[in-house]
Amino acid sequence: MAYIPRLTSDGIVDNYHWYSDNPFYIAGYGMPNCTCYAWGRFWEIGDPNNTKEHKPTELPTGDGGVWWERAVASGYYETGQTPQLGAVICFEDNNGGAGHVAIVEVINDDGSIRCSNSAWQSTFFWVSDITPVNGHYDWSHYTFQGFIYN
């Protein structure tokens, strides 16, 4: 099946991927929230027929800054430094915050990527373009850690 990028928020509100069956929503950290969004989008990609299949059971459920370390330590999902469609991109916050996670939706010929995002107590949904510098996808005040592949 061809990958379908999510470049709008259409269909997110009240969708079980981000709401009733999402562990972040259940714990009181629902949308807008980068972790709730990334967890739900990761599941949505693995559930193209909307049958509640392939619910992520080993995807981290901490703040965005711990996803990379936990995914690498568990070894359940493949991880790496090269972008892939549908992968979670993980960032550490240089200002001491909780980090950030987003989903790779488009990989451009020049190596830049377009990601879908959400942010805790901020923006419900947006897309961002990130161009690598020396192979690193550092962005704003975040340091790139790696990708968790879907």
N, C-alpha and C. Protein backbone atom coordinates (compact mmCIF):
# COMPACT_ATOMS: atom_id res chain seq x y z
N MET A 1 0.84 -1.18 0.00
CA MET A 1 0.00 0.00 0.00
C MET A 1 0.89 1.24 0.00
N ALA A 2 0.54 2.23 -0.80
CA ALA A 2 1.30 3.46 -0.90
C ALA A 2 1.15 4.29 0.37
N TYR A 3 2.23 4.94 0.75
CA TYR A 3 2.21 5.80 1.93
C TYR A 3 1.41 7.07 1.62
N ILE A 4 0.51 7.42 2.52
CA ILE A 4 -0.28 8.63 2.37
C ILE A 4 0.13 9.61 3.45
N PRO A 5 0.81 10.71 3.07
CA PRO A 5 1.25 11.66 4.09
C PRO A 5 0.07 12.40 4.71
N ARG A 6 0.22 12.74 5.99
CA ARG A 6 -0.78 13.56 6.68
C ARG A 6 -0.22 14.98 6.72
N LEU A 7 -0.87 15.87 5.97
CA LEU A 7 -0.41 17.25 5.89
C LEU A 7 -1.47 18.23 6.40
N THR A 8 -2.60 17.69 6.88
CA THR A 8 -3.66 18.50 7.50
C THR A 8 -4.18 17.75 8.73
N SER A 9 -4.96 18.45 9.51
CA SER A 9 -5.54 17.84 10.71
C SER A 9 -6.87 17.14 10.44
N ASP A 10 -7.28 17.09 9.20
CA ASP A 10 -8.57 16.47 8.85
C ASP A 10 -8.66 15.05 9.40
N GLY A 11 -9.73 14.77 10.13
CA GLY A 11 -9.99 13.43 10.63
C GLY A 11 -9.34 13.07 11.95
N ILE A 12 -8.65 14.00 12.58
CA ILE A 12 -7.99 13.69 13.85
C ILE A 12 -8.97 13.77 15.03
N VAL A 13 -9.77 14.83 15.08
CA VAL A 13 -10.65 15.05 16.23
C VAL A 13 -11.60 13.86 16.41
N ASP A 14 -11.62 13.35 17.62
CA ASP A 14 -12.45 12.21 18.04
C ASP A 14 -12.09 10.89 17.38
N ASN A 15 -10.98 10.83 16.65
CA ASN A 15 -10.51 9.59 16.06
C ASN A 15 -9.81 8.77 17.15
N TYR A 16 -10.13 7.50 17.27
CA TYR A 16 -9.60 6.67 18.36
C TYR A 16 -8.08 6.60 18.38
N HIS A 17 -7.41 6.83 17.24
CA HIS A 17 -5.94 6.81 17.24
C HIS A 17 -5.38 7.87 18.19
N TRP A 18 -6.07 9.02 18.28
CA TRP A 18 -5.61 10.13 19.11
C TRP A 18 -6.46 10.35 20.36
N TYR A 19 -7.58 9.70 20.44
CA TYR A 19 -8.49 9.96 21.56
C TYR A 19 -8.75 8.70 22.38
N SER A 20 -9.89 8.11 22.30
CA SER A 20 -10.33 7.08 23.24
C SER A 20 -9.36 5.94 23.49
N ASP A 21 -8.58 5.54 22.48
CA ASP A 21 -7.68 4.40 22.64
C ASP A 21 -6.21 4.80 22.72
N ASN A 22 -5.92 6.07 22.83
CA ASN A 22 -4.55 6.57 22.89
C ASN A 22 -4.14 6.70 24.36
N PRO A 23 -3.02 6.11 24.76
CA PRO A 23 -2.64 6.15 26.18
C PRO A 23 -2.37 7.55 26.71
N PHE A 24 -1.97 8.47 25.87
CA PHE A 24 -1.74 9.85 26.34
C PHE A 24 -3.07 10.54 26.63
N TYR A 25 -4.06 10.35 25.76
CA TYR A 25 -5.39 10.90 26.00
C TYR A 25 -5.97 10.31 27.28
N ILE A 26 -5.86 9.01 27.44
CA ILE A 26 -6.39 8.32 28.62
C ILE A 26 -5.75 8.85 29.90
N ALA A 27 -4.45 9.19 29.84
CA ALA A 27 -3.72 9.68 31.02
C ALA A 27 -3.89 11.19 31.24
N GLY A 28 -4.68 11.87 30.40
CA GLY A 28 -4.90 13.30 30.57
C GLY A 28 -3.93 14.18 29.81
N TYR A 29 -3.18 13.61 28.87
CA TYR A 29 -2.22 14.37 28.07
C TYR A 29 -2.55 14.28 26.59
N GLY A 30 -3.82 14.51 26.29
CA GLY A 30 -4.27 14.41 24.91
C GLY A 30 -3.88 15.61 24.08
N MET A 31 -4.48 15.72 22.94
CA MET A 31 -4.16 16.78 21.98
C MET A 31 -4.57 18.14 22.55
N PRO A 32 -3.79 19.18 22.25
CA PRO A 32 -2.53 19.17 21.52
C PRO A 32 -1.38 18.67 22.39
N ASN A 33 -0.58 17.82 21.82
CA ASN A 33 0.55 17.22 22.54
C ASN A 33 1.37 16.44 21.52
N CYS A 34 2.68 16.67 21.48
CA CYS A 34 3.50 15.99 20.46
C CYS A 34 3.51 14.48 20.65
N THR A 35 3.52 14.01 21.89
CA THR A 35 3.58 12.58 22.13
C THR A 35 2.25 11.91 21.79
N CYS A 36 1.15 12.51 22.18
CA CYS A 36 -0.17 11.97 21.84
C CYS A 36 -0.32 11.95 20.32
N TYR A 37 0.09 13.02 19.67
CA TYR A 37 -0.02 13.08 18.21
C TYR A 37 0.85 12.01 17.55
N ALA A 38 2.13 11.96 17.90
CA ALA A 38 3.05 11.02 17.25
C ALA A 38 2.62 9.58 17.49
N TRP A 39 2.19 9.27 18.71
CA TRP A 39 1.74 7.91 19.03
C TRP A 39 0.53 7.55 18.17
N GLY A 40 -0.44 8.48 18.08
CA GLY A 40 -1.64 8.24 17.29
C GLY A 40 -1.35 8.15 15.80
N ARG A 41 -0.48 9.00 15.30
CA ARG A 41 -0.15 8.96 13.86
C ARG A 41 0.62 7.69 13.52
N PHE A 42 1.53 7.27 14.39
CA PHE A 42 2.27 6.03 14.20
C PHE A 42 1.29 4.87 14.07
N TRP A 43 0.28 4.86 14.93
CA TRP A 43 -0.75 3.81 14.88
C TRP A 43 -1.59 3.94 13.62
N GLU A 44 -2.00 5.16 13.29
CA GLU A 44 -2.82 5.37 12.09
C GLU A 44 -2.12 4.81 10.85
N ILE A 45 -0.82 5.02 10.73
CA ILE A 45 -0.06 4.52 9.59
C ILE A 45 -0.11 3.00 9.54
N GLY A 46 -0.02 2.36 10.70
CA GLY A 46 -0.06 0.90 10.77
C GLY A 46 -1.46 0.31 10.72
N ASP A 47 -2.46 1.16 10.68
CA ASP A 47 -3.86 0.74 10.69
C ASP A 47 -4.60 1.41 9.53
N PRO A 48 -4.14 1.19 8.28
CA PRO A 48 -4.69 1.94 7.15
C PRO A 48 -6.17 1.67 6.87
N ASN A 49 -6.70 0.55 7.34
CA ASN A 49 -8.11 0.24 7.11
C ASN A 49 -9.00 0.62 8.29
N ASN A 50 -8.42 1.30 9.28
CA ASN A 50 -9.17 1.75 10.47
C ASN A 50 -9.92 0.60 11.13
N THR A 51 -9.19 -0.46 11.42
CA THR A 51 -9.77 -1.64 12.06
C THR A 51 -9.20 -1.87 13.47
N LYS A 52 -8.47 -0.88 13.98
CA LYS A 52 -7.83 -0.93 15.29
C LYS A 52 -6.74 -2.01 15.37
N GLU A 53 -6.20 -2.37 14.22
CA GLU A 53 -5.11 -3.34 14.18
C GLU A 53 -3.77 -2.64 14.43
N HIS A 54 -2.80 -3.43 14.81
CA HIS A 54 -1.41 -3.00 14.95
C HIS A 54 -1.23 -1.84 15.93
N LYS A 55 -2.01 -1.83 16.99
CA LYS A 55 -1.85 -0.79 18.01
C LYS A 55 -0.44 -0.90 18.59
N PRO A 56 0.29 0.21 18.63
CA PRO A 56 1.67 0.15 19.14
C PRO A 56 1.68 -0.25 20.62
N THR A 57 2.30 -1.36 20.91
CA THR A 57 2.36 -1.81 22.30
C THR A 57 3.71 -1.50 22.95
N GLU A 58 4.71 -1.23 22.13
CA GLU A 58 6.05 -0.99 22.66
C GLU A 58 6.57 0.41 22.35
N LEU A 59 5.74 1.27 21.77
CA LEU A 59 6.16 2.64 21.51
C LEU A 59 6.20 3.38 22.84
N PRO A 60 7.24 4.17 23.11
CA PRO A 60 7.35 4.84 24.41
C PRO A 60 6.13 5.69 24.74
N THR A 61 5.87 5.83 26.03
CA THR A 61 4.76 6.66 26.49
C THR A 61 5.21 7.73 27.47
N GLY A 62 6.50 8.04 27.49
CA GLY A 62 6.99 9.15 28.30
C GLY A 62 7.00 10.42 27.48
N ASP A 63 7.65 11.47 28.02
CA ASP A 63 7.73 12.71 27.27
C ASP A 63 8.63 12.53 26.05
N GLY A 64 8.56 13.46 25.11
CA GLY A 64 9.27 13.33 23.85
C GLY A 64 10.77 13.15 23.99
N GLY A 65 11.35 13.69 25.03
CA GLY A 65 12.79 13.60 25.22
C GLY A 65 13.30 12.22 25.58
N VAL A 66 12.41 11.29 25.97
CA VAL A 66 12.85 9.95 26.35
C VAL A 66 12.50 8.89 25.30
N TRP A 67 11.78 9.25 24.28
CA TRP A 67 11.36 8.25 23.28
C TRP A 67 12.56 7.57 22.63
N TRP A 68 13.53 8.35 22.21
CA TRP A 68 14.68 7.79 21.51
C TRP A 68 15.41 6.77 22.39
N GLU A 69 15.78 7.19 23.57
CA GLU A 69 16.52 6.31 24.49
C GLU A 69 15.74 5.04 24.80
N ARG A 70 14.46 5.17 25.06
CA ARG A 70 13.64 4.00 25.40
C ARG A 70 13.45 3.07 24.20
N ALA A 71 13.28 3.63 23.01
CA ALA A 71 13.12 2.80 21.82
C ALA A 71 14.41 2.03 21.51
N VAL A 72 15.54 2.69 21.65
CA VAL A 72 16.82 2.02 21.41
C VAL A 72 17.02 0.92 22.44
N ALA A 73 16.75 1.23 23.71
CA ALA A 73 16.95 0.25 24.79
C ALA A 73 16.04 -0.97 24.63
N SER A 74 14.80 -0.76 24.20
CA SER A 74 13.87 -1.89 24.09
C SER A 74 14.20 -2.76 22.88
N GLY A 75 14.68 -2.15 21.81
CA GLY A 75 15.00 -2.90 20.60
C GLY A 75 13.78 -3.42 19.85
N TYR A 76 12.58 -3.07 20.29
CA TYR A 76 11.37 -3.57 19.65
C TYR A 76 11.20 -3.01 18.24
N TYR A 77 11.39 -1.69 18.11
CA TYR A 77 11.32 -1.04 16.81
C TYR A 77 12.73 -0.77 16.31
N GLU A 78 12.91 -0.86 15.00
CA GLU A 78 14.19 -0.48 14.42
C GLU A 78 14.36 1.02 14.58
N THR A 79 15.60 1.44 14.77
CA THR A 79 15.92 2.85 14.93
C THR A 79 17.12 3.17 14.04
N GLY A 80 17.31 4.45 13.77
CA GLY A 80 18.46 4.82 12.97
C GLY A 80 18.55 6.32 12.77
N GLN A 81 19.47 6.71 11.91
CA GLN A 81 19.76 8.12 11.66
C GLN A 81 19.30 8.59 10.29
N THR A 82 18.69 7.70 9.51
CA THR A 82 18.23 8.03 8.16
C THR A 82 16.71 8.13 8.17
N PRO A 83 16.15 9.21 7.61
CA PRO A 83 14.69 9.35 7.63
C PRO A 83 14.00 8.31 6.77
N GLN A 84 12.83 7.86 7.23
CA GLN A 84 11.94 7.00 6.47
C GLN A 84 10.53 7.53 6.64
N LEU A 85 9.71 7.35 5.62
CA LEU A 85 8.32 7.79 5.71
C LEU A 85 7.63 7.08 6.88
N GLY A 86 6.90 7.85 7.67
CA GLY A 86 6.17 7.30 8.80
C GLY A 86 6.99 7.13 10.06
N ALA A 87 8.27 7.46 10.02
CA ALA A 87 9.12 7.31 11.20
C ALA A 87 8.87 8.45 12.19
N VAL A 88 9.10 8.15 13.46
CA VAL A 88 9.08 9.18 14.49
C VAL A 88 10.47 9.82 14.51
N ILE A 89 10.54 11.13 14.42
CA ILE A 89 11.79 11.84 14.60
C ILE A 89 11.82 12.33 16.05
N CYS A 90 12.93 12.07 16.73
CA CYS A 90 13.05 12.35 18.16
C CYS A 90 14.07 13.46 18.41
N PHE A 91 13.72 14.37 19.32
CA PHE A 91 14.57 15.51 19.64
C PHE A 91 14.73 15.65 21.16
N GLU A 92 15.91 16.09 21.55
CA GLU A 92 16.18 16.52 22.92
C GLU A 92 16.04 18.04 22.94
N ASP A 93 15.48 18.59 24.00
CA ASP A 93 15.30 20.04 24.13
C ASP A 93 16.56 20.66 24.72
N ASN A 94 17.20 21.56 23.98
CA ASN A 94 18.42 22.22 24.46
C ASN A 94 18.16 23.16 25.63
N ASN A 95 16.90 23.51 25.86
CA ASN A 95 16.55 24.42 26.95
C ASN A 95 16.10 23.66 28.20
N GLY A 96 16.29 22.34 28.21
CA GLY A 96 15.93 21.55 29.39
C GLY A 96 14.49 21.12 29.45
N GLY A 97 13.74 21.33 28.39
CA GLY A 97 12.34 20.93 28.37
C GLY A 97 12.17 19.44 28.10
N ALA A 98 10.96 19.08 27.76
CA ALA A 98 10.58 17.67 27.64
C ALA A 98 10.93 17.02 26.30
N GLY A 99 11.59 17.72 25.39
CA GLY A 99 11.90 17.15 24.09
C GLY A 99 10.71 17.26 23.16
N HIS A 100 10.86 16.67 21.98
CA HIS A 100 9.80 16.75 20.98
C HIS A 100 9.87 15.52 20.08
N VAL A 101 8.72 15.06 19.64
CA VAL A 101 8.62 14.00 18.63
C VAL A 101 7.64 14.45 17.55
N ALA A 102 7.89 14.01 16.33
CA ALA A 102 7.04 14.33 15.19
C ALA A 102 7.10 13.14 14.23
N ILE A 103 6.35 13.20 13.17
CA ILE A 103 6.31 12.10 12.19
C ILE A 103 6.81 12.59 10.84
N VAL A 104 7.70 11.82 10.21
CA VAL A 104 8.21 12.13 8.88
C VAL A 104 7.12 11.81 7.86
N GLU A 105 6.67 12.82 7.14
CA GLU A 105 5.60 12.64 6.16
C GLU A 105 6.11 12.68 4.72
N VAL A 106 7.15 13.46 4.47
CA VAL A 106 7.69 13.62 3.12
C VAL A 106 9.21 13.69 3.23
N ILE A 107 9.90 13.00 2.32
CA ILE A 107 11.36 13.12 2.22
C ILE A 107 11.64 13.73 0.85
N ASN A 108 12.23 14.91 0.86
CA ASN A 108 12.50 15.63 -0.39
C ASN A 108 13.82 15.19 -1.01
N ASP A 109 13.97 15.45 -2.30
CA ASP A 109 15.17 15.05 -3.03
C ASP A 109 16.44 15.67 -2.45
N ASP A 110 16.33 16.84 -1.83
CA ASP A 110 17.51 17.50 -1.26
C ASP A 110 17.86 17.00 0.14
N GLY A 111 17.11 15.99 0.65
CA GLY A 111 17.37 15.43 1.97
C GLY A 111 16.57 16.07 3.09
N SER A 112 15.89 17.18 2.78
CA SER A 112 15.05 17.80 3.80
C SER A 112 13.80 16.94 4.00
N ILE A 113 13.17 17.11 5.14
CA ILE A 113 11.98 16.33 5.46
C ILE A 113 10.84 17.26 5.88
N ARG A 114 9.63 16.83 5.60
CA ARG A 114 8.43 17.53 6.08
C ARG A 114 7.82 16.64 7.15
N CYS A 115 7.60 17.21 8.32
CA CYS A 115 7.08 16.47 9.48
C CYS A 115 5.74 17.02 9.91
N SER A 116 4.89 16.14 10.42
CA SER A 116 3.64 16.56 11.05
C SER A 116 3.86 16.59 12.55
N ASN A 117 3.26 17.58 13.21
CA ASN A 117 3.53 17.86 14.63
C ASN A 117 2.28 18.28 15.38
N SER A 118 2.41 18.24 16.69
CA SER A 118 1.49 18.87 17.62
C SER A 118 2.36 19.32 18.80
N ALA A 119 1.84 20.16 19.67
CA ALA A 119 2.65 20.64 20.80
C ALA A 119 1.80 20.81 22.05
N TRP A 120 2.30 20.31 23.16
CA TRP A 120 1.62 20.39 24.45
C TRP A 120 1.26 21.82 24.78
N GLN A 121 0.00 22.05 25.10
CA GLN A 121 -0.55 23.35 25.47
C GLN A 121 -0.23 24.43 24.43
N SER A 122 -0.21 24.03 23.16
CA SER A 122 0.14 24.97 22.10
C SER A 122 -0.67 24.68 20.85
N THR A 123 0.01 24.37 19.76
CA THR A 123 -0.63 24.21 18.46
C THR A 123 -1.12 22.78 18.27
N PHE A 124 -2.38 22.64 17.86
CA PHE A 124 -3.02 21.33 17.68
C PHE A 124 -2.32 20.51 16.60
N PHE A 125 -2.02 21.14 15.44
CA PHE A 125 -1.40 20.42 14.33
C PHE A 125 -0.68 21.43 13.44
N TRP A 126 0.50 21.06 12.97
CA TRP A 126 1.19 21.84 11.95
C TRP A 126 2.22 20.96 11.26
N VAL A 127 2.71 21.42 10.13
CA VAL A 127 3.80 20.73 9.44
C VAL A 127 5.03 21.63 9.49
N SER A 128 6.19 21.00 9.54
CA SER A 128 7.45 21.73 9.55
C SER A 128 8.41 21.09 8.57
N ASP A 129 9.26 21.90 7.98
CA ASP A 129 10.30 21.42 7.08
C ASP A 129 11.63 21.54 7.81
N ILE A 130 12.41 20.46 7.76
CA ILE A 130 13.70 20.43 8.44
C ILE A 130 14.76 20.01 7.42
N THR A 131 15.79 20.84 7.28
CA THR A 131 16.89 20.55 6.38
C THR A 131 18.09 20.09 7.21
N PRO A 132 18.68 18.95 6.86
CA PRO A 132 19.81 18.48 7.65
C PRO A 132 21.06 19.34 7.44
N VAL A 133 21.80 19.50 8.51
CA VAL A 133 23.08 20.18 8.46
C VAL A 133 24.11 19.17 8.94
N ASN A 134 25.04 18.82 8.08
CA ASN A 134 26.05 17.79 8.38
C ASN A 134 25.40 16.49 8.83
N GLY A 135 24.29 16.13 8.19
CA GLY A 135 23.62 14.87 8.49
C GLY A 135 22.73 14.89 9.72
N HIS A 136 22.60 16.02 10.39
CA HIS A 136 21.77 16.12 11.59
C HIS A 136 20.55 16.99 11.32
N TYR A 137 19.43 16.54 11.82
CA TYR A 137 18.16 17.24 11.63
C TYR A 137 17.83 18.11 12.84
N ASP A 138 18.82 18.81 13.36
CA ASP A 138 18.56 19.73 14.47
C ASP A 138 17.54 20.77 14.01
N TRP A 139 16.69 21.19 14.95
CA TRP A 139 15.57 22.05 14.57
C TRP A 139 15.24 22.98 15.73
N SER A 140 15.21 24.27 15.44
CA SER A 140 14.89 25.27 16.45
C SER A 140 15.84 25.09 17.63
N HIS A 141 15.30 24.91 18.84
CA HIS A 141 16.17 24.71 20.02
C HIS A 141 16.24 23.23 20.41
N TYR A 142 16.06 22.36 19.44
CA TYR A 142 16.09 20.92 19.67
C TYR A 142 17.28 20.28 18.97
N THR A 143 17.86 19.27 19.61
CA THR A 143 18.93 18.48 19.02
C THR A 143 18.36 17.14 18.56
N PHE A 144 18.61 16.82 17.31
CA PHE A 144 18.16 15.57 16.72
C PHE A 144 18.81 14.38 17.42
N GLN A 145 17.99 13.37 17.75
CA GLN A 145 18.49 12.14 18.36
C GLN A 145 18.47 10.98 17.37
N GLY A 146 17.38 10.81 16.64
CA GLY A 146 17.28 9.72 15.68
C GLY A 146 15.84 9.47 15.30
N PHE A 147 15.64 8.40 14.51
CA PHE A 147 14.33 8.02 14.02
C PHE A 147 13.92 6.66 14.57
N ILE A 148 12.65 6.52 14.92
CA ILE A 148 12.05 5.24 15.28
C ILE A 148 11.20 4.85 14.07
N TYR A 149 11.53 3.72 13.46
CA TYR A 149 10.88 3.32 12.21
C TYR A 149 9.58 2.57 12.46
N ASN A 150 8.60 2.87 11.61
CA ASN A 150 7.28 2.26 11.71
C ASN A 150 7.23 1.05 10.79
